[in-house]
Amino acid sequence: MSRSDGDRLHLGFLQVAHTDAGFVGGLLVTNRQGRPLEFQCTTPVRPNKTQEILYGPTLHPFIYSELLGKTLVERLSVKPDIIIVQQAELLDLRLHLATPVGCVVDPQAEGALPDETRVQLGAQVLRVHPEHTEDVDALQSASRLVPGDADLAEPLDRVKDALVETTRAGAVA
């Protein structure tokens, strides 16, 4: 992590919602206590039938990571040290960024994952992209700065709710 001051740890929380208008991405950057520093969201993306056929099972990871996630991270003025996601399709974002990405693990599936891709951060277990197991070290470093009882899934719910609200209000830009 580039900042030496623990109070300057910036956590990114990325979520994609599927709305009537299409797929919408939102990225909330907070300090280590969960206080918002910046929020960005995308315009809706709606693949056409030909794209659905041609992309097949790679469509959602492409939309989530390359179209929405990467765009959101590039737009930020407050860059996160770590990006936390809850949707497995967003793990591929790590293939397009230097920033570590951790996906909140479903406690039911936790035992099925290899140890080298998992790390405890706050109250959650996160897994990293299998091609970037070095991210475990970055997440372990951050774990010294994040309270052990921190609910890292809660800010993802805030992002989801904000996406629904901005889409409803027609304010997505």
Protein backbone atom coordinates (compact mmCIF):
# COMPACT_ATOMS: atom_id res chain seq x y z
CA MET A 1 0.00 0.00 0.00
CA SER A 2 1.31 3.38 -0.96
CA ARG A 3 0.14 5.31 2.12
CA SER A 4 2.09 4.98 5.34
CA ASP A 5 -0.66 6.46 7.53
CA GLY A 6 -3.26 3.82 8.44
CA ASP A 7 -5.99 6.46 8.58
CA ARG A 8 -5.44 6.99 4.88
CA LEU A 9 -6.35 3.43 3.89
CA HIS A 10 -8.95 3.69 1.14
CA LEU A 11 -11.27 0.76 0.52
CA GLY A 12 -13.24 0.44 -2.71
CA PHE A 13 -16.58 -1.37 -2.75
CA LEU A 14 -17.72 -2.36 -6.23
CA GLN A 15 -21.15 -3.73 -7.06
CA VAL A 16 -23.07 -4.35 -10.28
CA ALA A 17 -26.87 -4.30 -10.35
CA HIS A 18 -29.08 -5.69 -13.09
CA THR A 19 -31.93 -3.22 -13.49
CA ASP A 20 -34.71 -2.81 -16.06
CA ALA A 21 -32.41 -0.35 -17.85
CA GLY A 22 -29.51 -2.83 -18.00
CA PHE A 23 -26.36 -3.52 -15.98
CA VAL A 24 -25.24 -0.60 -13.80
CA GLY A 25 -22.01 -0.46 -11.84
CA GLY A 26 -21.28 1.51 -8.70
CA LEU A 27 -18.04 2.06 -6.79
CA LEU A 28 -17.88 3.54 -3.32
CA VAL A 29 -14.52 4.52 -1.83
CA THR A 30 -14.42 4.79 1.96
CA ASN A 31 -11.85 5.34 4.66
CA ARG A 32 -11.08 2.40 6.91
CA GLN A 33 -14.01 3.29 9.19
CA GLY A 34 -16.47 3.05 6.28
CA ARG A 35 -17.03 6.78 5.81
CA PRO A 36 -17.71 7.64 2.14
CA LEU A 37 -14.99 9.54 0.28
CA GLU A 38 -16.25 9.18 -3.30
CA PHE A 39 -19.00 7.41 -5.25
CA GLN A 40 -19.18 6.81 -8.99
CA CYS A 41 -21.75 4.95 -11.06
CA THR A 42 -22.09 4.07 -14.72
CA THR A 43 -24.82 4.47 -17.26
CA PRO A 44 -26.78 1.27 -17.91
CA VAL A 45 -25.24 -1.26 -20.29
CA ARG A 46 -27.62 -3.56 -22.11
CA PRO A 47 -26.11 -6.25 -24.33
CA ASN A 48 -28.01 -7.11 -27.47
CA LYS A 49 -28.96 -10.66 -28.45
CA THR A 50 -26.00 -11.01 -30.86
CA GLN A 51 -23.56 -10.04 -28.08
CA GLU A 52 -25.21 -12.54 -25.73
CA ILE A 53 -24.74 -15.29 -28.32
CA LEU A 54 -21.16 -14.36 -29.26
CA TYR A 55 -19.87 -13.79 -25.72
CA GLY A 56 -21.71 -16.77 -24.24
CA PRO A 57 -20.64 -17.49 -20.65
CA THR A 58 -17.94 -14.78 -20.81
CA LEU A 59 -20.51 -11.98 -21.23
CA HIS A 60 -21.14 -11.21 -17.55
CA PRO A 61 -17.46 -11.21 -16.51
CA PHE A 62 -16.72 -8.92 -19.50
CA ILE A 63 -19.54 -6.48 -18.67
CA TYR A 64 -18.88 -6.54 -14.93
CA SER A 65 -15.08 -6.24 -15.00
CA GLU A 66 -13.94 -4.68 -18.24
CA LEU A 67 -16.86 -2.41 -19.15
CA LEU A 68 -18.16 -1.33 -15.75
CA GLY A 69 -15.50 -2.02 -13.11
CA LYS A 70 -12.47 -0.79 -15.02
CA THR A 71 -14.32 2.34 -16.17
CA LEU A 72 -15.35 3.17 -12.61
CA VAL A 73 -11.85 2.74 -11.19
CA GLU A 74 -10.37 4.93 -13.93
CA ARG A 75 -12.89 7.71 -13.15
CA LEU A 76 -12.07 7.91 -9.44
CA SER A 77 -10.14 10.83 -8.03
CA VAL A 78 -9.73 9.00 -4.68
CA LYS A 79 -8.02 5.73 -5.62
CA PRO A 80 -8.70 2.68 -3.41
CA ASP A 81 -5.83 0.62 -2.00
CA ILE A 82 -8.05 -2.48 -2.16
CA ILE A 83 -11.27 -3.19 -4.03
CA ILE A 84 -13.84 -5.42 -2.34
CA VAL A 85 -16.54 -7.15 -4.37
CA GLN A 86 -19.25 -9.70 -3.67
CA GLN A 87 -19.95 -10.92 -7.20
CA ALA A 88 -17.53 -13.54 -8.51
CA GLU A 89 -17.76 -12.04 -12.03
CA LEU A 90 -15.93 -8.99 -10.67
CA LEU A 91 -12.80 -10.92 -9.68
CA ASP A 92 -11.60 -10.66 -13.29
CA LEU A 93 -11.27 -6.91 -12.72
CA ARG A 94 -7.91 -7.77 -11.16
CA LEU A 95 -6.66 -8.81 -14.60
CA HIS A 96 -7.05 -5.18 -15.74
CA LEU A 97 -5.76 -3.29 -12.68
CA ALA A 98 -2.75 -3.22 -10.38
CA THR A 99 -5.07 -2.77 -7.37
CA PRO A 100 -5.73 -5.90 -5.28
CA VAL A 101 -9.31 -7.22 -5.53
CA GLY A 102 -10.93 -9.38 -2.86
CA CYS A 103 -14.29 -11.13 -3.21
CA VAL A 104 -16.38 -11.73 -0.09
CA VAL A 105 -16.69 -15.50 0.34
CA ASP A 106 -20.02 -17.13 1.01
CA PRO A 107 -19.49 -18.93 4.34
CA GLN A 108 -21.17 -22.05 2.88
CA ALA A 109 -18.58 -22.27 0.07
CA GLU A 110 -15.56 -21.28 2.17
CA GLY A 111 -14.23 -24.80 2.72
CA ALA A 112 -14.09 -25.54 -1.01
CA LEU A 113 -11.52 -22.84 -1.78
CA PRO A 114 -7.76 -23.35 -1.68
CA ASP A 115 -6.10 -21.68 1.32
CA GLU A 116 -3.68 -19.65 -0.81
CA THR A 117 -6.54 -17.64 -2.33
CA ARG A 118 -8.29 -16.73 0.96
CA VAL A 119 -7.65 -14.15 3.65
CA GLN A 120 -9.57 -12.75 6.62
CA LEU A 121 -10.27 -9.01 6.41
CA GLY A 122 -12.55 -7.51 9.01
CA ALA A 123 -15.38 -9.93 9.73
CA GLN A 124 -15.27 -11.45 6.24
CA VAL A 125 -13.17 -14.00 4.43
CA LEU A 126 -12.12 -12.75 1.01
CA ARG A 127 -10.73 -14.68 -1.91
CA VAL A 128 -8.42 -13.27 -4.53
CA HIS A 129 -8.08 -13.97 -8.22
CA PRO A 130 -6.22 -17.30 -8.64
CA GLU A 131 -3.70 -15.61 -10.98
CA HIS A 132 -2.92 -12.96 -8.34
CA THR A 133 -2.36 -14.85 -5.10
CA GLU A 134 0.14 -12.11 -4.13
CA ASP A 135 -2.96 -10.02 -3.32
CA VAL A 136 -3.31 -12.11 -0.16
CA ASP A 137 -0.25 -10.26 1.22
CA ALA A 138 -1.81 -6.85 0.46
CA LEU A 139 -5.06 -7.87 2.12
CA GLN A 140 -3.19 -9.22 5.16
CA SER A 141 -1.35 -5.88 5.45
CA ALA A 142 -4.68 -4.06 5.32
CA SER A 143 -6.11 -6.38 7.97
CA ARG A 144 -3.85 -4.67 10.53
CA LEU A 145 -5.62 -1.39 9.74
CA VAL A 146 -9.23 -2.63 9.46
CA PRO A 147 -11.10 -3.41 12.69
CA GLY A 148 -11.56 -7.16 13.15
CA ASP A 149 -15.34 -6.80 13.49
CA ALA A 150 -15.72 -4.57 10.40
CA ASP A 151 -18.60 -5.75 8.22
CA LEU A 152 -17.16 -5.35 4.73
CA ALA A 153 -20.34 -6.64 3.10
CA GLU A 154 -22.39 -3.73 4.48
CA PRO A 155 -20.86 -1.04 2.21
CA LEU A 156 -21.62 -3.29 -0.76
CA ASP A 157 -25.29 -3.18 0.27
CA ARG A 158 -25.05 0.63 0.37
CA VAL A 159 -23.67 0.64 -3.18
CA LYS A 160 -26.47 -1.64 -4.36
CA ASP A 161 -29.10 0.58 -2.73
CA ALA A 162 -27.51 3.71 -4.22
CA LEU A 163 -27.55 2.12 -7.69
CA VAL A 164 -31.23 1.27 -7.38
CA GLU A 165 -31.96 4.81 -6.18
CA THR A 166 -29.97 6.58 -8.90
CA THR A 167 -31.50 4.36 -11.59
CA ARG A 168 -34.99 5.02 -10.23
CA ALA A 169 -34.32 8.76 -10.09
CA GLY A 170 -32.91 8.75 -13.62
CA ALA A 171 -29.75 10.33 -12.25
CA VAL A 172 -27.28 7.74 -13.56
CA ALA A 173 -24.49 9.53 -15.39
